[in-house]
Amino acid sequence: MEYNNNNRGAIFKNDRKEKDTHPDYRGKINVDGVDKEISLWVKQSKDGKSFFSASISEPYVKAEGTPPKPIADELPSMDLPF
């Protein structure tokens, strides 16, 4: 019997958070058979109660076929004396 992952997901603490704007938790969910990414931030209401703010987005796909950046683009420009 195959596991049905429809309308389910998992969220983990974001161990790559470097800025306050980065989510506190990230994960993947399936909504009606479509895979999505979910991001959660822990926030506080005006009366001090903690809550989650959530965002759901399309999964990140690394661009294929993107040519590597030429090394010359990474070097500082120099004026040569001749």
PDB file of N, CA and C in Angstrom:
ATOM      1  N   MET A   1       0.843  -1.181   0.000  1.00  0.00           N
ATOM      2  CA  MET A   1       0.000   0.000   0.000  1.00  0.00           C
ATOM      3  C   MET A   1       0.887   1.243   0.000  1.00  0.00           C
ATOM      4  N   GLU A   2       0.653   2.142  -0.934  1.00  0.00           N
ATOM      5  CA  GLU A   2       1.442   3.365  -1.049  1.00  0.00           C
ATOM      6  C   GLU A   2       0.873   4.434  -0.122  1.00  0.00           C
ATOM      7  N   TYR A   3       1.762   5.200   0.528  1.00  0.00           N
ATOM      8  CA  TYR A   3       1.350   6.260   1.451  1.00  0.00           C
ATOM      9  C   TYR A   3       0.732   7.415   0.662  1.00  0.00           C
ATOM     10  N   ASN A   4      -0.396   7.908   1.091  1.00  0.00           N
ATOM     11  CA  ASN A   4      -1.066   9.029   0.454  1.00  0.00           C
ATOM     12  C   ASN A   4      -0.588  10.320   1.117  1.00  0.00           C
ATOM     13  N   ASN A   5       0.170  11.122   0.400  1.00  0.00           N
ATOM     14  CA  ASN A   5       0.727  12.364   0.925  1.00  0.00           C
ATOM     15  C   ASN A   5      -0.150  13.564   0.574  1.00  0.00           C
ATOM     16  N   ASN A   6      -1.322  13.322   0.000  1.00  0.00           N
ATOM     17  CA  ASN A   6      -2.210  14.400  -0.411  1.00  0.00           C
ATOM     18  C   ASN A   6      -2.694  15.192   0.808  1.00  0.00           C
ATOM     19  N   ASN A   7      -2.590  16.514   0.721  1.00  0.00           N
ATOM     20  CA  ASN A   7      -3.015  17.438   1.780  1.00  0.00           C
ATOM     21  C   ASN A   7      -2.267  17.210   3.097  1.00  0.00           C
ATOM     22  N   ARG A   8      -0.994  16.906   2.979  1.00  0.00           N
ATOM     23  CA  ARG A   8      -0.126  16.711   4.149  1.00  0.00           C
ATOM     24  C   ARG A   8       1.200  17.434   3.912  1.00  0.00           C
ATOM     25  N   GLY A   9       1.986  17.548   4.961  1.00  0.00           N
ATOM     26  CA  GLY A   9       3.283  18.188   4.821  1.00  0.00           C
ATOM     27  C   GLY A   9       4.092  18.078   6.087  1.00  0.00           C
ATOM     28  N   ALA A  10       5.261  18.703   6.058  1.00  0.00           N
ATOM     29  CA  ALA A  10       6.156  18.711   7.215  1.00  0.00           C
ATOM     30  C   ALA A  10       6.860  20.062   7.268  1.00  0.00           C
ATOM     31  N   ILE A  11       7.059  20.566   8.490  1.00  0.00           N
ATOM     32  CA  ILE A  11       7.701  21.851   8.699  1.00  0.00           C
ATOM     33  C   ILE A  11       8.835  21.662   9.699  1.00  0.00           C
ATOM     34  N   PHE A  12       9.978  22.296   9.405  1.00  0.00           N
ATOM     35  CA  PHE A  12      11.165  22.168  10.246  1.00  0.00           C
ATOM     36  C   PHE A  12      11.706  23.542  10.601  1.00  0.00           C
ATOM     37  N   LYS A  13      12.404  23.622  11.722  1.00  0.00           N
ATOM     38  CA  LYS A  13      13.072  24.863  12.123  1.00  0.00           C
ATOM     39  C   LYS A  13      14.073  25.240  11.030  1.00  0.00           C
ATOM     40  N   ASN A  14      14.095  26.508  10.662  1.00  0.00           N
ATOM     41  CA  ASN A  14      14.990  27.005   9.608  1.00  0.00           C
ATOM     42  C   ASN A  14      16.387  27.215  10.188  1.00  0.00           C
ATOM     43  N   ASP A  15      17.282  26.280   9.930  1.00  0.00           N
ATOM     44  CA  ASP A  15      18.649  26.387  10.455  1.00  0.00           C
ATOM     45  C   ASP A  15      19.536  27.281   9.588  1.00  0.00           C
ATOM     46  N   ARG A  16      18.962  27.872   8.539  1.00  0.00           N
ATOM     47  CA  ARG A  16      19.712  28.796   7.679  1.00  0.00           C
ATOM     48  C   ARG A  16      19.257  30.246   7.858  1.00  0.00           C
ATOM     49  N   LYS A  17      18.486  30.512   8.885  1.00  0.00           N
ATOM     50  CA  LYS A  17      17.994  31.868   9.118  1.00  0.00           C
ATOM     51  C   LYS A  17      19.164  32.777   9.474  1.00  0.00           C
ATOM     52  N   GLU A  18      19.319  33.861   8.697  1.00  0.00           N
ATOM     53  CA  GLU A  18      20.393  34.815   8.932  1.00  0.00           C
ATOM     54  C   GLU A  18      19.865  36.221   9.207  1.00  0.00           C
ATOM     55  N   LYS A  19      18.626  36.493   8.781  1.00  0.00           N
ATOM     56  CA  LYS A  19      18.029  37.814   8.961  1.00  0.00           C
ATOM     57  C   LYS A  19      16.659  37.654   9.595  1.00  0.00           C
ATOM     58  N   ASP A  20      16.161  38.718  10.217  1.00  0.00           N
ATOM     59  CA  ASP A  20      14.827  38.690  10.824  1.00  0.00           C
ATOM     60  C   ASP A  20      13.739  38.433   9.784  1.00  0.00           C
ATOM     61  N   THR A  21      13.998  38.803   8.545  1.00  0.00           N
ATOM     62  CA  THR A  21      12.997  38.611   7.497  1.00  0.00           C
ATOM     63  C   THR A  21      12.923  37.163   7.014  1.00  0.00           C
ATOM     64  N   HIS A  22      13.939  36.353   7.304  1.00  0.00           N
ATOM     65  CA  HIS A  22      13.908  34.937   6.930  1.00  0.00           C
ATOM     66  C   HIS A  22      12.919  34.202   7.824  1.00  0.00           C
ATOM     67  N   PRO A  23      12.229  33.188   7.280  1.00  0.00           N
ATOM     68  CA  PRO A  23      11.246  32.468   8.095  1.00  0.00           C
ATOM     69  C   PRO A  23      11.897  31.694   9.232  1.00  0.00           C
ATOM     70  N   ASP A  24      11.143  31.531  10.328  1.00  0.00           N
ATOM     71  CA  ASP A  24      11.603  30.750  11.474  1.00  0.00           C
ATOM     72  C   ASP A  24      11.490  29.249  11.197  1.00  0.00           C
ATOM     73  N   TYR A  25      10.512  28.878  10.387  1.00  0.00           N
ATOM     74  CA  TYR A  25      10.278  27.476  10.022  1.00  0.00           C
ATOM     75  C   TYR A  25       9.996  27.395   8.528  1.00  0.00           C
ATOM     76  N   ARG A  26      10.402  26.281   7.910  1.00  0.00           N
ATOM     77  CA  ARG A  26      10.152  26.053   6.484  1.00  0.00           C
ATOM     78  C   ARG A  26       9.772  24.610   6.274  1.00  0.00           C
ATOM     79  N   GLY A  27       9.095  24.353   5.184  1.00  0.00           N
ATOM     80  CA  GLY A  27       8.743  22.976   4.885  1.00  0.00           C
ATOM     81  C   GLY A  27       8.067  22.836   3.540  1.00  0.00           C
ATOM     82  N   LYS A  28       7.593  21.632   3.314  1.00  0.00           N
ATOM     83  CA  LYS A  28       6.897  21.314   2.079  1.00  0.00           C
ATOM     84  C   LYS A  28       5.542  20.736   2.429  1.00  0.00           C
ATOM     85  N   ILE A  29       4.551  21.119   1.647  1.00  0.00           N
ATOM     86  CA  ILE A  29       3.206  20.606   1.843  1.00  0.00           C
ATOM     87  C   ILE A  29       2.635  20.220   0.490  1.00  0.00           C
ATOM     88  N   ASN A  30       1.600  19.423   0.529  1.00  0.00           N
ATOM     89  CA  ASN A  30       0.884  19.036  -0.673  1.00  0.00           C
ATOM     90  C   ASN A  30      -0.547  19.527  -0.507  1.00  0.00           C
ATOM     91  N   VAL A  31      -1.022  20.317  -1.457  1.00  0.00           N
ATOM     92  CA  VAL A  31      -2.377  20.860  -1.407  1.00  0.00           C
ATOM     93  C   VAL A  31      -3.127  20.372  -2.641  1.00  0.00           C
ATOM     94  N   ASP A  32      -4.109  19.526  -2.429  1.00  0.00           N
ATOM     95  CA  ASP A  32      -4.915  18.977  -3.527  1.00  0.00           C
ATOM     96  C   ASP A  32      -4.041  18.363  -4.623  1.00  0.00           C
ATOM     97  N   GLY A  33      -2.992  17.647  -4.210  1.00  0.00           N
ATOM     98  CA  GLY A  33      -2.133  16.952  -5.157  1.00  0.00           C
ATOM     99  C   GLY A  33      -1.019  17.794  -5.747  1.00  0.00           C
ATOM    100  N   VAL A  34      -0.887  19.057  -5.316  1.00  0.00           N
ATOM    101  CA  VAL A  34       0.140  19.961  -5.843  1.00  0.00           C
ATOM    102  C   VAL A  34       1.137  20.266  -4.737  1.00  0.00           C
ATOM    103  N   ASP A  35       2.439  20.021  -4.990  1.00  0.00           N
ATOM    104  CA  ASP A  35       3.476  20.304  -4.001  1.00  0.00           C
ATOM    105  C   ASP A  35       3.732  21.801  -3.906  1.00  0.00           C
ATOM    106  N   LYS A  36       3.858  22.293  -2.674  1.00  0.00           N
ATOM    107  CA  LYS A  36       4.115  23.710  -2.383  1.00  0.00           C
ATOM    108  C   LYS A  36       5.156  23.802  -1.281  1.00  0.00           C
ATOM    109  N   GLU A  37       5.707  24.993  -1.102  1.00  0.00           N
ATOM    110  CA  GLU A  37       6.597  25.264   0.024  1.00  0.00           C
ATOM    111  C   GLU A  37       5.842  26.153   1.003  1.00  0.00           C
ATOM    112  N   ILE A  38       6.114  25.956   2.287  1.00  0.00           N
ATOM    113  CA  ILE A  38       5.479  26.781   3.310  1.00  0.00           C
ATOM    114  C   ILE A  38       6.560  27.395   4.198  1.00  0.00           C
ATOM    115  N   SER A  39       6.365  28.653   4.532  1.00  0.00           N
ATOM    116  CA  SER A  39       7.267  29.377   5.423  1.00  0.00           C
ATOM    117  C   SER A  39       6.441  29.917   6.583  1.00  0.00           C
ATOM    118  N   LEU A  40       7.003  29.831   7.790  1.00  0.00           N
ATOM    119  CA  LEU A  40       6.310  30.322   8.991  1.00  0.00           C
ATOM    120  C   LEU A  40       7.216  31.262   9.768  1.00  0.00           C
ATOM    121  N   TRP A  41       6.622  32.327  10.270  1.00  0.00           N
ATOM    122  CA  TRP A  41       7.308  33.261  11.144  1.00  0.00           C
ATOM    123  C   TRP A  41       6.586  33.266  12.480  1.00  0.00           C
ATOM    124  N   VAL A  42       7.318  33.285  13.580  1.00  0.00           N
ATOM    125  CA  VAL A  42       6.715  33.401  14.906  1.00  0.00           C
ATOM    126  C   VAL A  42       6.610  34.895  15.200  1.00  0.00           C
ATOM    127  N   LYS A  43       5.397  35.356  15.446  1.00  0.00           N
ATOM    128  CA  LYS A  43       5.153  36.779  15.697  1.00  0.00           C
ATOM    129  C   LYS A  43       4.360  36.949  16.984  1.00  0.00           C
ATOM    130  N   GLN A  44       4.235  38.194  17.416  1.00  0.00           N
ATOM    131  CA  GLN A  44       3.435  38.494  18.610  1.00  0.00           C
ATOM    132  C   GLN A  44       2.387  39.526  18.255  1.00  0.00           C
ATOM    133  N   SER A  45       1.168  39.284  18.741  1.00  0.00           N
ATOM    134  CA  SER A  45       0.076  40.230  18.524  1.00  0.00           C
ATOM    135  C   SER A  45       0.280  41.439  19.436  1.00  0.00           C
ATOM    136  N   LYS A  46      -0.530  42.462  19.243  1.00  0.00           N
ATOM    137  CA  LYS A  46      -0.429  43.675  20.067  1.00  0.00           C
ATOM    138  C   LYS A  46      -0.641  43.391  21.544  1.00  0.00           C
ATOM    139  N   ASP A  47      -1.435  42.338  21.846  1.00  0.00           N
ATOM    140  CA  ASP A  47      -1.671  42.007  23.260  1.00  0.00           C
ATOM    141  C   ASP A  47      -0.692  40.957  23.785  1.00  0.00           C
ATOM    142  N   GLY A  48       0.393  40.683  23.009  1.00  0.00           N
ATOM    143  CA  GLY A  48       1.469  39.823  23.482  1.00  0.00           C
ATOM    144  C   GLY A  48       1.307  38.336  23.236  1.00  0.00           C
ATOM    145  N   LYS A  49       0.274  37.927  22.509  1.00  0.00           N
ATOM    146  CA  LYS A  49       0.080  36.504  22.225  1.00  0.00           C
ATOM    147  C   LYS A  49       0.911  36.095  21.007  1.00  0.00           C
ATOM    148  N   SER A  50       1.595  34.959  21.122  1.00  0.00           N
ATOM    149  CA  SER A  50       2.393  34.442  20.016  1.00  0.00           C
ATOM    150  C   SER A  50       1.494  33.771  18.987  1.00  0.00           C
ATOM    151  N   PHE A  51       1.860  33.951  17.712  1.00  0.00           N
ATOM    152  CA  PHE A  51       1.126  33.291  16.640  1.00  0.00           C
ATOM    153  C   PHE A  51       2.069  33.049  15.472  1.00  0.00           C
ATOM    154  N   PHE A  52       1.641  32.220  14.525  1.00  0.00           N
ATOM    155  CA  PHE A  52       2.395  31.959  13.306  1.00  0.00           C
ATOM    156  C   PHE A  52       1.826  32.800  12.173  1.00  0.00           C
ATOM    157  N   SER A  53       2.699  33.415  11.407  1.00  0.00           N
ATOM    158  CA  SER A  53       2.340  34.054  10.155  1.00  0.00           C
ATOM    159  C   SER A  53       2.867  33.120   9.072  1.00  0.00           C
ATOM    160  N   ALA A  54       2.054  32.815   8.055  1.00  0.00           N
ATOM    161  CA  ALA A  54       2.428  31.800   7.072  1.00  0.00           C
ATOM    162  C   ALA A  54       2.419  32.344   5.652  1.00  0.00           C
ATOM    163  N   SER A  55       3.247  31.732   4.816  1.00  0.00           N
ATOM    164  CA  SER A  55       3.285  32.026   3.392  1.00  0.00           C
ATOM    165  C   SER A  55       3.441  30.713   2.646  1.00  0.00           C
ATOM    166  N   ILE A  56       2.660  30.529   1.595  1.00  0.00           N
ATOM    167  CA  ILE A  56       2.753  29.337   0.762  1.00  0.00           C
ATOM    168  C   ILE A  56       3.180  29.785  -0.626  1.00  0.00           C
ATOM    169  N   SER A  57       4.157  29.079  -1.208  1.00  0.00           N
ATOM    170  CA  SER A  57       4.674  29.464  -2.514  1.00  0.00           C
ATOM    171  C   SER A  57       4.972  28.238  -3.369  1.00  0.00           C
ATOM    172  N   GLU A  58       5.238  28.505  -4.634  1.00  0.00           N
ATOM    173  CA  GLU A  58       5.656  27.445  -5.539  1.00  0.00           C
ATOM    174  C   GLU A  58       7.021  26.934  -5.088  1.00  0.00           C
ATOM    175  N   PRO A  59       7.323  25.655  -5.290  1.00  0.00           N
ATOM    176  CA  PRO A  59       8.637  25.124  -4.913  1.00  0.00           C
ATOM    177  C   PRO A  59       9.761  25.821  -5.684  1.00  0.00           C
ATOM    178  N   TYR A  60      10.870  26.041  -5.001  1.00  0.00           N
ATOM    179  CA  TYR A  60      12.054  26.628  -5.626  1.00  0.00           C
ATOM    180  C   TYR A  60      12.641  25.628  -6.601  1.00  0.00           C
ATOM    181  N   VAL A  61      12.940  26.097  -7.802  1.00  0.00           N
ATOM    182  CA  VAL A  61      13.562  25.251  -8.812  1.00  0.00           C
ATOM    183  C   VAL A  61      14.823  25.957  -9.266  1.00  0.00           C
ATOM    184  N   LYS A  62      15.947  25.303  -9.094  1.00  0.00           N
ATOM    185  CA  LYS A  62      17.221  25.865  -9.522  1.00  0.00           C
ATOM    186  C   LYS A  62      17.252  25.904 -11.042  1.00  0.00           C
ATOM    187  N   ALA A  63      17.606  27.041 -11.593  1.00  0.00           N
ATOM    188  CA  ALA A  63      17.639  27.202 -13.040  1.00  0.00           C
ATOM    189  C   ALA A  63      18.691  26.294 -13.650  1.00  0.00           C
ATOM    190  N   GLU A  64      18.275  25.521 -14.625  1.00  0.00           N
ATOM    191  CA  GLU A  64      19.209  24.640 -15.326  1.00  0.00           C
ATOM    192  C   GLU A  64      19.763  25.365 -16.538  1.00  0.00           C
ATOM    193  N   GLY A  65      20.974  25.007 -16.919  1.00  0.00           N
ATOM    194  CA  GLY A  65      21.562  25.574 -18.121  1.00  0.00           C
ATOM    195  C   GLY A  65      22.061  26.989 -17.966  1.00  0.00           C
ATOM    196  N   THR A  66      22.054  27.520 -16.746  1.00  0.00           N
ATOM    197  CA  THR A  66      22.591  28.855 -16.539  1.00  0.00           C
ATOM    198  C   THR A  66      24.107  28.772 -16.638  1.00  0.00           C
ATOM    199  N   PRO A  67      24.690  29.480 -17.598  1.00  0.00           N
ATOM    200  CA  PRO A  67      26.145  29.382 -17.755  1.00  0.00           C
ATOM    201  C   PRO A  67      26.876  29.949 -16.552  1.00  0.00           C
ATOM    202  N   PRO A  68      28.031  29.382 -16.221  1.00  0.00           N
ATOM    203  CA  PRO A  68      28.803  29.933 -15.099  1.00  0.00           C
ATOM    204  C   PRO A  68      29.264  31.342 -15.409  1.00  0.00           C
ATOM    205  N   LYS A  69      29.370  32.125 -14.377  1.00  0.00           N
ATOM    206  CA  LYS A  69      29.819  33.512 -14.501  1.00  0.00           C
ATOM    207  C   LYS A  69      31.297  33.522 -14.888  1.00  0.00           C
ATOM    208  N   PRO A  70      31.684  34.289 -15.919  1.00  0.00           N
ATOM    209  CA  PRO A  70      33.104  34.354 -16.289  1.00  0.00           C
ATOM    210  C   PRO A  70      33.933  34.896 -15.126  1.00  0.00           C
ATOM    211  N   ILE A  71      35.126  34.356 -14.978  1.00  0.00           N
ATOM    212  CA  ILE A  71      36.010  34.781 -13.888  1.00  0.00           C
ATOM    213  C   ILE A  71      36.302  36.268 -13.975  1.00  0.00           C
ATOM    214  N   ALA A  72      36.426  36.807 -15.172  1.00  0.00           N
ATOM    215  CA  ALA A  72      36.737  38.227 -15.330  1.00  0.00           C
ATOM    216  C   ALA A  72      35.680  39.107 -14.678  1.00  0.00           C
ATOM    217  N   ASP A  73      34.432  38.643 -14.634  1.00  0.00           N
ATOM    218  CA  ASP A  73      33.372  39.423 -14.006  1.00  0.00           C
ATOM    219  C   ASP A  73      33.552  39.496 -12.489  1.00  0.00           C
ATOM    220  N   GLU A  74      34.308  38.571 -11.910  1.00  0.00           N
ATOM    221  CA  GLU A  74      34.487  38.544 -10.469  1.00  0.00           C
ATOM    222  C   GLU A  74      35.709  39.314 -10.018  1.00  0.00           C
ATOM    223  N   LEU A  75      36.594  39.672 -10.960  1.00  0.00           N
ATOM    224  CA  LEU A  75      37.825  40.378 -10.625  1.00  0.00           C
ATOM    225  C   LEU A  75      37.607  41.883 -10.678  1.00  0.00           C
ATOM    226  N   PRO A  76      38.308  42.635  -9.806  1.00  0.00           N
ATOM    227  CA  PRO A  76      38.179  44.090  -9.880  1.00  0.00           C
ATOM    228  C   PRO A  76      38.848  44.604 -11.144  1.00  0.00           C
ATOM    229  N   SER A  77      38.335  45.699 -11.682  1.00  0.00           N
ATOM    230  CA  SER A  77      38.961  46.269 -12.894  1.00  0.00           C
ATOM    231  C   SER A  77      40.213  47.019 -12.484  1.00  0.00           C
ATOM    232  N   MET A  78      41.182  47.033 -13.403  1.00  0.00           N
ATOM    233  CA  MET A  78      42.450  47.721 -13.141  1.00  0.00           C
ATOM    234  C   MET A  78      42.803  48.577 -14.345  1.00  0.00           C
ATOM    235  N   ASP A  79      43.368  49.736 -14.057  1.00  0.00           N
ATOM    236  CA  ASP A  79      43.911  50.570 -15.130  1.00  0.00           C
ATOM    237  C   ASP A  79      45.385  50.257 -15.241  1.00  0.00           C
ATOM    238  N   LEU A  80      45.801  49.823 -16.421  1.00  0.00           N
ATOM    239  CA  LEU A  80      47.200  49.483 -16.627  1.00  0.00           C
ATOM    240  C   LEU A  80      47.954  50.709 -17.149  1.00  0.00           C
ATOM    241  N   PRO A  81      49.210  50.891 -16.728  1.00  0.00           N
ATOM    242  CA  PRO A  81      49.943  52.133 -17.042  1.00  0.00           C
ATOM    243  C   PRO A  81      50.530  52.184 -18.448  1.00  0.00           C
ATOM    244  N   PHE A  82      50.081  51.443 -19.396  1.00  0.00           N
ATOM    245  CA  PHE A  82      50.637  51.557 -20.759  1.00  0.00           C
ATOM    246  C   PHE A  82      49.553  51.624 -21.773  1.00  0.00           C
TER     247      PHE A  82
END
